[in-house]
PDB file of all heavy atoms in Angstrom:
ATOM      1  N   ILE A   1       0.833  -1.200  -0.029  1.00  0.00           N
ATOM      2  CA  ILE A   1       0.049   0.016   0.036  1.00  0.00           C
ATOM      3  C   ILE A   1       0.904   1.227   0.029  1.00  0.00           C
ATOM      4  O   ILE A   1       2.112   1.169   0.184  1.00  0.00           O
ATOM      5  CB  ILE A   1      -0.931   0.002   1.280  1.00  0.00           C
ATOM      6  CG1 ILE A   1      -0.084   0.076   2.513  1.00  0.00           C
ATOM      7  CG2 ILE A   1      -1.840  -1.171   1.229  1.00  0.00           C
ATOM      8  CD1 ILE A   1      -0.882   0.219   3.818  1.00  0.00           C
ATOM      9  N   ASN A   2       0.218   2.369  -0.233  1.00  0.00           N
ATOM     10  CA  ASN A   2       0.991   3.693  -0.047  1.00  0.00           C
ATOM     11  C   ASN A   2       0.564   4.362   1.229  1.00  0.00           C
ATOM     12  O   ASN A   2      -0.640   4.358   1.578  1.00  0.00           O
ATOM     13  CB  ASN A   2       0.758   4.545  -1.268  1.00  0.00           C
ATOM     14  CG  ASN A   2       1.434   4.133  -2.498  1.00  0.00           C
ATOM     15  OD1 ASN A   2       2.559   3.473  -2.408  1.00  0.00           O
ATOM     16  ND2 ASN A   2       0.891   4.452  -3.696  1.00  0.00           N
ATOM     17  N   VAL A   3       1.540   4.891   1.880  1.00  0.00           N
ATOM     18  CA  VAL A   3       1.310   5.519   3.246  1.00  0.00           C
ATOM     19  C   VAL A   3       1.701   7.037   3.090  1.00  0.00           C
ATOM     20  O   VAL A   3       2.797   7.381   2.773  1.00  0.00           O
ATOM     21  CB  VAL A   3       2.070   4.869   4.309  1.00  0.00           C
ATOM     22  CG1 VAL A   3       1.803   5.483   5.678  1.00  0.00           C
ATOM     23  CG2 VAL A   3       1.877   3.344   4.301  1.00  0.00           C
ATOM     24  N   ALA A   4       0.706   7.895   3.325  1.00  0.00           N
ATOM     25  CA  ALA A   4       0.921   9.311   3.221  1.00  0.00           C
ATOM     26  C   ALA A   4       0.929   9.919   4.667  1.00  0.00           C
ATOM     27  O   ALA A   4       0.009   9.749   5.470  1.00  0.00           O
ATOM     28  CB  ALA A   4      -0.213  10.039   2.529  1.00  0.00           C
ATOM     29  N   ILE A   5       2.108  10.574   5.021  1.00  0.00           N
ATOM     30  CA  ILE A   5       2.193  11.189   6.348  1.00  0.00           C
ATOM     31  C   ILE A   5       2.434  12.740   6.191  1.00  0.00           C
ATOM     32  O   ILE A   5       3.405  13.135   5.655  1.00  0.00           O
ATOM     33  CB  ILE A   5       3.380  10.602   7.104  1.00  0.00           C
ATOM     34  CG1 ILE A   5       3.257   9.069   7.252  1.00  0.00           C
ATOM     35  CG2 ILE A   5       3.580  11.253   8.477  1.00  0.00           C
ATOM     36  CD1 ILE A   5       4.433   8.333   7.932  1.00  0.00           C
ATOM     37  N   ASP A   6       1.418  13.461   6.613  1.00  0.00           N
ATOM     38  CA  ASP A   6       1.506  14.885   6.540  1.00  0.00           C
ATOM     39  C   ASP A   6       1.573  15.487   7.924  1.00  0.00           C
ATOM     40  O   ASP A   6       1.362  14.863   8.909  1.00  0.00           O
ATOM     41  CB  ASP A   6       0.250  15.430   5.837  1.00  0.00           C
ATOM     42  CG  ASP A   6       0.218  15.165   4.351  1.00  0.00           C
ATOM     43  OD1 ASP A   6       1.201  15.411   3.682  1.00  0.00           O
ATOM     44  OD2 ASP A   6      -0.812  14.584   3.843  1.00  0.00           O
ATOM     45  N   GLY A   7       1.906  16.811   7.933  1.00  0.00           N
ATOM     46  CA  GLY A   7       1.980  17.478   9.209  1.00  0.00           C
ATOM     47  C   GLY A   7       2.892  18.696   9.169  1.00  0.00           C
ATOM     48  O   GLY A   7       3.548  18.961   8.155  1.00  0.00           O
ATOM     49  N   PRO A   8       2.826  19.572  10.183  1.00  0.00           N
ATOM     50  CA  PRO A   8       3.578  20.791  10.182  1.00  0.00           C
ATOM     51  C   PRO A   8       5.057  20.599  10.409  1.00  0.00           C
ATOM     52  O   PRO A   8       5.532  19.467  10.672  1.00  0.00           O
ATOM     53  CB  PRO A   8       2.962  21.613  11.352  1.00  0.00           C
ATOM     54  CG  PRO A   8       2.480  20.484  12.294  1.00  0.00           C
ATOM     55  CD  PRO A   8       2.049  19.358  11.371  1.00  0.00           C
ATOM     56  N   ALA A   9       5.801  21.665  10.259  1.00  0.00           N
ATOM     57  CA  ALA A   9       7.244  21.621  10.428  1.00  0.00           C
ATOM     58  C   ALA A   9       7.646  21.214  11.776  1.00  0.00           C
ATOM     59  O   ALA A   9       7.051  21.564  12.793  1.00  0.00           O
ATOM     60  CB  ALA A   9       7.833  23.031  10.151  1.00  0.00           C
ATOM     61  N   GLY A  10       8.683  20.341  11.911  1.00  0.00           N
ATOM     62  CA  GLY A  10       9.218  19.914  13.162  1.00  0.00           C
ATOM     63  C   GLY A  10       8.421  18.834  13.909  1.00  0.00           C
ATOM     64  O   GLY A  10       8.738  18.470  15.040  1.00  0.00           O
ATOM     65  N   ALA A  11       7.465  18.201  13.195  1.00  0.00           N
ATOM     66  CA  ALA A  11       6.616  17.244  13.831  1.00  0.00           C
ATOM     67  C   ALA A  11       7.361  15.813  13.949  1.00  0.00           C
ATOM     68  O   ALA A  11       6.857  14.908  14.567  1.00  0.00           O
ATOM     69  CB  ALA A  11       5.271  17.009  13.132  1.00  0.00           C
ATOM     70  N   GLY A  12       8.493  15.745  13.292  1.00  0.00           N
ATOM     71  CA  GLY A  12       9.238  14.449  13.283  1.00  0.00           C
ATOM     72  C   GLY A  12       8.862  13.504  12.179  1.00  0.00           C
ATOM     73  O   GLY A  12       9.129  12.324  12.182  1.00  0.00           O
ATOM     74  N   LYS A  13       8.160  14.045  11.168  1.00  0.00           N
ATOM     75  CA  LYS A  13       7.656  13.183  10.109  1.00  0.00           C
ATOM     76  C   LYS A  13       8.709  12.417   9.378  1.00  0.00           C
ATOM     77  O   LYS A  13       8.530  11.238   9.117  1.00  0.00           O
ATOM     78  CB  LYS A  13       6.853  14.062   9.050  1.00  0.00           C
ATOM     79  CG  LYS A  13       5.725  14.898   9.556  1.00  0.00           C
ATOM     80  CD  LYS A  13       5.041  15.642   8.432  1.00  0.00           C
ATOM     81  CE  LYS A  13       5.926  16.578   7.684  1.00  0.00           C
ATOM     82  NZ  LYS A  13       6.392  17.696   8.496  1.00  0.00           N
ATOM     83  N   SER A  14       9.810  12.988   9.005  1.00  0.00           N
ATOM     84  CA  SER A  14      10.850  12.406   8.245  1.00  0.00           C
ATOM     85  C   SER A  14      11.442  11.223   9.003  1.00  0.00           C
ATOM     86  O   SER A  14      11.630  10.091   8.433  1.00  0.00           O
ATOM     87  CB  SER A  14      11.948  13.353   7.923  1.00  0.00           C
ATOM     88  OG  SER A  14      11.390  14.421   7.028  1.00  0.00           O
ATOM     89  N   THR A  15      11.782  11.461  10.269  1.00  0.00           N
ATOM     90  CA  THR A  15      12.380  10.324  11.071  1.00  0.00           C
ATOM     91  C   THR A  15      11.426   9.177  11.185  1.00  0.00           C
ATOM     92  O   THR A  15      11.823   7.986  11.001  1.00  0.00           O
ATOM     93  CB  THR A  15      12.733  10.903  12.447  1.00  0.00           C
ATOM     94  OG1 THR A  15      13.723  12.005  12.294  1.00  0.00           O
ATOM     95  CG2 THR A  15      13.373   9.777  13.293  1.00  0.00           C
ATOM     96  N   VAL A  16      10.161   9.456  11.545  1.00  0.00           N
ATOM     97  CA  VAL A  16       9.215   8.458  11.746  1.00  0.00           C
ATOM     98  C   VAL A  16       8.879   7.739  10.436  1.00  0.00           C
ATOM     99  O   VAL A  16       8.797   6.476  10.388  1.00  0.00           O
ATOM    100  CB  VAL A  16       7.966   8.970  12.398  1.00  0.00           C
ATOM    101  CG1 VAL A  16       6.761   8.035  12.360  1.00  0.00           C
ATOM    102  CG2 VAL A  16       8.192   9.466  13.824  1.00  0.00           C
ATOM    103  N   ALA A  17       8.691   8.537   9.349  1.00  0.00           N
ATOM    104  CA  ALA A  17       8.357   7.871   8.091  1.00  0.00           C
ATOM    105  C   ALA A  17       9.483   6.995   7.606  1.00  0.00           C
ATOM    106  O   ALA A  17       9.206   5.915   7.031  1.00  0.00           O
ATOM    107  CB  ALA A  17       8.162   8.993   7.046  1.00  0.00           C
ATOM    108  N   ARG A  18      10.707   7.359   7.774  1.00  0.00           N
ATOM    109  CA  ARG A  18      11.842   6.497   7.399  1.00  0.00           C
ATOM    110  C   ARG A  18      11.822   5.185   8.154  1.00  0.00           C
ATOM    111  O   ARG A  18      12.060   4.143   7.564  1.00  0.00           O
ATOM    112  CB  ARG A  18      13.195   7.301   7.685  1.00  0.00           C
ATOM    113  CG  ARG A  18      14.432   6.532   7.193  1.00  0.00           C
ATOM    114  CD  ARG A  18      15.704   7.290   7.497  1.00  0.00           C
ATOM    115  NE  ARG A  18      15.710   8.598   6.953  1.00  0.00           N
ATOM    116  CZ  ARG A  18      15.645   9.729   7.688  1.00  0.00           C
ATOM    117  NH1 ARG A  18      15.575   9.672   8.966  1.00  0.00           N
ATOM    118  NH2 ARG A  18      15.718  10.879   7.091  1.00  0.00           N
ATOM    119  N   LEU A  19      11.588   5.256   9.421  1.00  0.00           N
ATOM    120  CA  LEU A  19      11.496   4.026  10.228  1.00  0.00           C
ATOM    121  C   LEU A  19      10.344   3.196   9.944  1.00  0.00           C
ATOM    122  O   LEU A  19      10.386   1.938   9.939  1.00  0.00           O
ATOM    123  CB  LEU A  19      11.509   4.384  11.748  1.00  0.00           C
ATOM    124  CG  LEU A  19      12.821   5.021  12.210  1.00  0.00           C
ATOM    125  CD1 LEU A  19      12.667   5.521  13.633  1.00  0.00           C
ATOM    126  CD2 LEU A  19      13.986   4.108  12.087  1.00  0.00           C
ATOM    127  N   VAL A  20       9.172   3.760   9.552  1.00  0.00           N
ATOM    128  CA  VAL A  20       8.022   3.044   9.172  1.00  0.00           C
ATOM    129  C   VAL A  20       8.306   2.295   7.890  1.00  0.00           C
ATOM    130  O   VAL A  20       7.999   1.079   7.762  1.00  0.00           O
ATOM    131  CB  VAL A  20       6.808   3.969   9.018  1.00  0.00           C
ATOM    132  CG1 VAL A  20       5.622   3.205   8.269  1.00  0.00           C
ATOM    133  CG2 VAL A  20       6.304   4.475  10.322  1.00  0.00           C
ATOM    134  N   ALA A  21       8.942   2.962   6.967  1.00  0.00           N
ATOM    135  CA  ALA A  21       9.251   2.365   5.657  1.00  0.00           C
ATOM    136  C   ALA A  21      10.263   1.169   5.923  1.00  0.00           C
ATOM    137  O   ALA A  21      10.084   0.137   5.240  1.00  0.00           O
ATOM    138  CB  ALA A  21       9.928   3.399   4.747  1.00  0.00           C
ATOM    139  N   ARG A  22      11.172   1.357   6.789  1.00  0.00           N
ATOM    140  CA  ARG A  22      12.138   0.302   7.062  1.00  0.00           C
ATOM    141  C   ARG A  22      11.467  -0.932   7.666  1.00  0.00           C
ATOM    142  O   ARG A  22      11.716  -2.075   7.319  1.00  0.00           O
ATOM    143  CB  ARG A  22      13.236   0.815   8.020  1.00  0.00           C
ATOM    144  CG  ARG A  22      14.347  -0.234   8.257  1.00  0.00           C
ATOM    145  CD  ARG A  22      15.355   0.322   9.242  1.00  0.00           C
ATOM    146  NE  ARG A  22      15.994   1.577   8.668  1.00  0.00           N
ATOM    147  CZ  ARG A  22      16.840   2.353   9.370  1.00  0.00           C
ATOM    148  NH1 ARG A  22      17.081   2.029  10.637  1.00  0.00           N
ATOM    149  NH2 ARG A  22      17.318   3.432   8.886  1.00  0.00           N
ATOM    150  N   LYS A  23      10.499  -0.669   8.561  1.00  0.00           N
ATOM    151  CA  LYS A  23       9.830  -1.824   9.237  1.00  0.00           C
ATOM    152  C   LYS A  23       8.951  -2.554   8.254  1.00  0.00           C
ATOM    153  O   LYS A  23       8.756  -3.712   8.417  1.00  0.00           O
ATOM    154  CB  LYS A  23       8.930  -1.148  10.316  1.00  0.00           C
ATOM    155  CG  LYS A  23       8.661  -2.178  11.497  1.00  0.00           C
ATOM    156  CD  LYS A  23       8.079  -1.445  12.680  1.00  0.00           C
ATOM    157  CE  LYS A  23       7.801  -2.374  13.828  1.00  0.00           C
ATOM    158  NZ  LYS A  23       9.099  -2.938  14.482  1.00  0.00           N
ATOM    159  N   LEU A  24       8.410  -1.847   7.254  1.00  0.00           N
ATOM    160  CA  LEU A  24       7.557  -2.514   6.286  1.00  0.00           C
ATOM    161  C   LEU A  24       8.291  -2.944   5.028  1.00  0.00           C
ATOM    162  O   LEU A  24       7.683  -3.499   4.050  1.00  0.00           O
ATOM    163  CB  LEU A  24       6.388  -1.533   5.834  1.00  0.00           C
ATOM    164  CG  LEU A  24       5.519  -0.930   6.956  1.00  0.00           C
ATOM    165  CD1 LEU A  24       4.444  -0.015   6.336  1.00  0.00           C
ATOM    166  CD2 LEU A  24       4.879  -2.081   7.753  1.00  0.00           C
ATOM    167  N   SER A  25       9.581  -2.671   4.972  1.00  0.00           N
ATOM    168  CA  SER A  25      10.371  -2.969   3.754  1.00  0.00           C
ATOM    169  C   SER A  25       9.802  -2.207   2.545  1.00  0.00           C
ATOM    170  O   SER A  25       9.708  -2.690   1.477  1.00  0.00           O
ATOM    171  CB  SER A  25      10.462  -4.428   3.413  1.00  0.00           C
ATOM    172  OG  SER A  25      11.257  -5.055   4.391  1.00  0.00           O
ATOM    173  N   TYR A  26       9.421  -0.903   2.822  1.00  0.00           N
ATOM    174  CA  TYR A  26       8.912  -0.046   1.753  1.00  0.00           C
ATOM    175  C   TYR A  26       9.965   0.971   1.306  1.00  0.00           C
ATOM    176  O   TYR A  26      10.993   1.060   1.972  1.00  0.00           O
ATOM    177  CB  TYR A  26       7.658   0.730   2.248  1.00  0.00           C
ATOM    178  CG  TYR A  26       6.342  -0.067   2.238  1.00  0.00           C
ATOM    179  CD1 TYR A  26       6.323  -1.479   2.107  1.00  0.00           C
ATOM    180  CD2 TYR A  26       5.165   0.549   2.398  1.00  0.00           C
ATOM    181  CE1 TYR A  26       5.152  -2.191   2.021  1.00  0.00           C
ATOM    182  CE2 TYR A  26       3.919  -0.112   2.400  1.00  0.00           C
ATOM    183  CZ  TYR A  26       3.948  -1.476   2.221  1.00  0.00           C
ATOM    184  OH  TYR A  26       2.788  -2.188   2.191  1.00  0.00           O
ATOM    185  N   ILE A  27       9.618   1.691   0.359  1.00  0.00           N
ATOM    186  CA  ILE A  27      10.502   2.860  -0.084  1.00  0.00           C
ATOM    187  C   ILE A  27      10.090   4.144   0.581  1.00  0.00           C
ATOM    188  O   ILE A  27       8.915   4.464   0.646  1.00  0.00           O
ATOM    189  CB  ILE A  27      10.473   3.014  -1.655  1.00  0.00           C
ATOM    190  CG1 ILE A  27      10.945   1.759  -2.320  1.00  0.00           C
ATOM    191  CG2 ILE A  27      11.157   4.260  -2.088  1.00  0.00           C
ATOM    192  CD1 ILE A  27      10.676   1.686  -3.867  1.00  0.00           C
ATOM    193  N   TYR A  28      11.035   4.832   1.130  1.00  0.00           N
ATOM    194  CA  TYR A  28      10.782   6.104   1.821  1.00  0.00           C
ATOM    195  C   TYR A  28      11.007   7.275   0.866  1.00  0.00           C
ATOM    196  O   TYR A  28      12.044   7.326   0.224  1.00  0.00           O
ATOM    197  CB  TYR A  28      11.616   6.255   3.054  1.00  0.00           C
ATOM    198  CG  TYR A  28      11.595   7.647   3.656  1.00  0.00           C
ATOM    199  CD1 TYR A  28      10.372   8.252   4.036  1.00  0.00           C
ATOM    200  CD2 TYR A  28      12.823   8.328   3.812  1.00  0.00           C
ATOM    201  CE1 TYR A  28      10.396   9.529   4.469  1.00  0.00           C
ATOM    202  CE2 TYR A  28      12.796   9.612   4.338  1.00  0.00           C
ATOM    203  CZ  TYR A  28      11.612  10.262   4.734  1.00  0.00           C
ATOM    204  OH  TYR A  28      11.541  11.460   5.225  1.00  0.00           O
ATOM    205  N   VAL A  29      10.068   8.206   0.832  1.00  0.00           N
ATOM    206  CA  VAL A  29      10.241   9.380   0.003  1.00  0.00           C
ATOM    207  C   VAL A  29      10.060  10.668   0.792  1.00  0.00           C
ATOM    208  O   VAL A  29       9.008  10.958   1.240  1.00  0.00           O
ATOM    209  CB  VAL A  29       9.203   9.467  -1.182  1.00  0.00           C
ATOM    210  CG1 VAL A  29       9.377  10.709  -2.041  1.00  0.00           C
ATOM    211  CG2 VAL A  29       9.418   8.189  -2.105  1.00  0.00           C
ATOM    212  N   ASP A  30      11.228  11.362   1.039  1.00  0.00           N
ATOM    213  CA  ASP A  30      11.175  12.585   1.865  1.00  0.00           C
ATOM    214  C   ASP A  30      10.970  13.715   0.902  1.00  0.00           C
ATOM    215  O   ASP A  30      11.832  14.332   0.387  1.00  0.00           O
ATOM    216  CB  ASP A  30      12.581  12.677   2.498  1.00  0.00           C
ATOM    217  CG  ASP A  30      12.732  13.855   3.485  1.00  0.00           C
ATOM    218  OD1 ASP A  30      11.763  14.730   3.453  1.00  0.00           O
ATOM    219  OD2 ASP A  30      13.711  13.995   4.173  1.00  0.00           O
ATOM    220  N   THR A  31       9.721  14.154   0.770  1.00  0.00           N
ATOM    221  CA  THR A  31       9.368  15.251  -0.118  1.00  0.00           C
ATOM    222  C   THR A  31       9.816  16.548   0.403  1.00  0.00           C
ATOM    223  O   THR A  31      10.174  17.491  -0.349  1.00  0.00           O
ATOM    224  CB  THR A  31       7.823  15.333  -0.353  1.00  0.00           C
ATOM    225  OG1 THR A  31       7.147  15.715   0.902  1.00  0.00           O
ATOM    226  CG2 THR A  31       7.258  14.025  -0.802  1.00  0.00           C
TER     227      THR A  31
END
């Protein structure tokens, strides 16, 4: 599936999204 994580600056999105992708063996895209 595709997972979309939105939110304001400094919410920790990039760190969390990267770890979620690693846990699921998915590709992480840091927009």
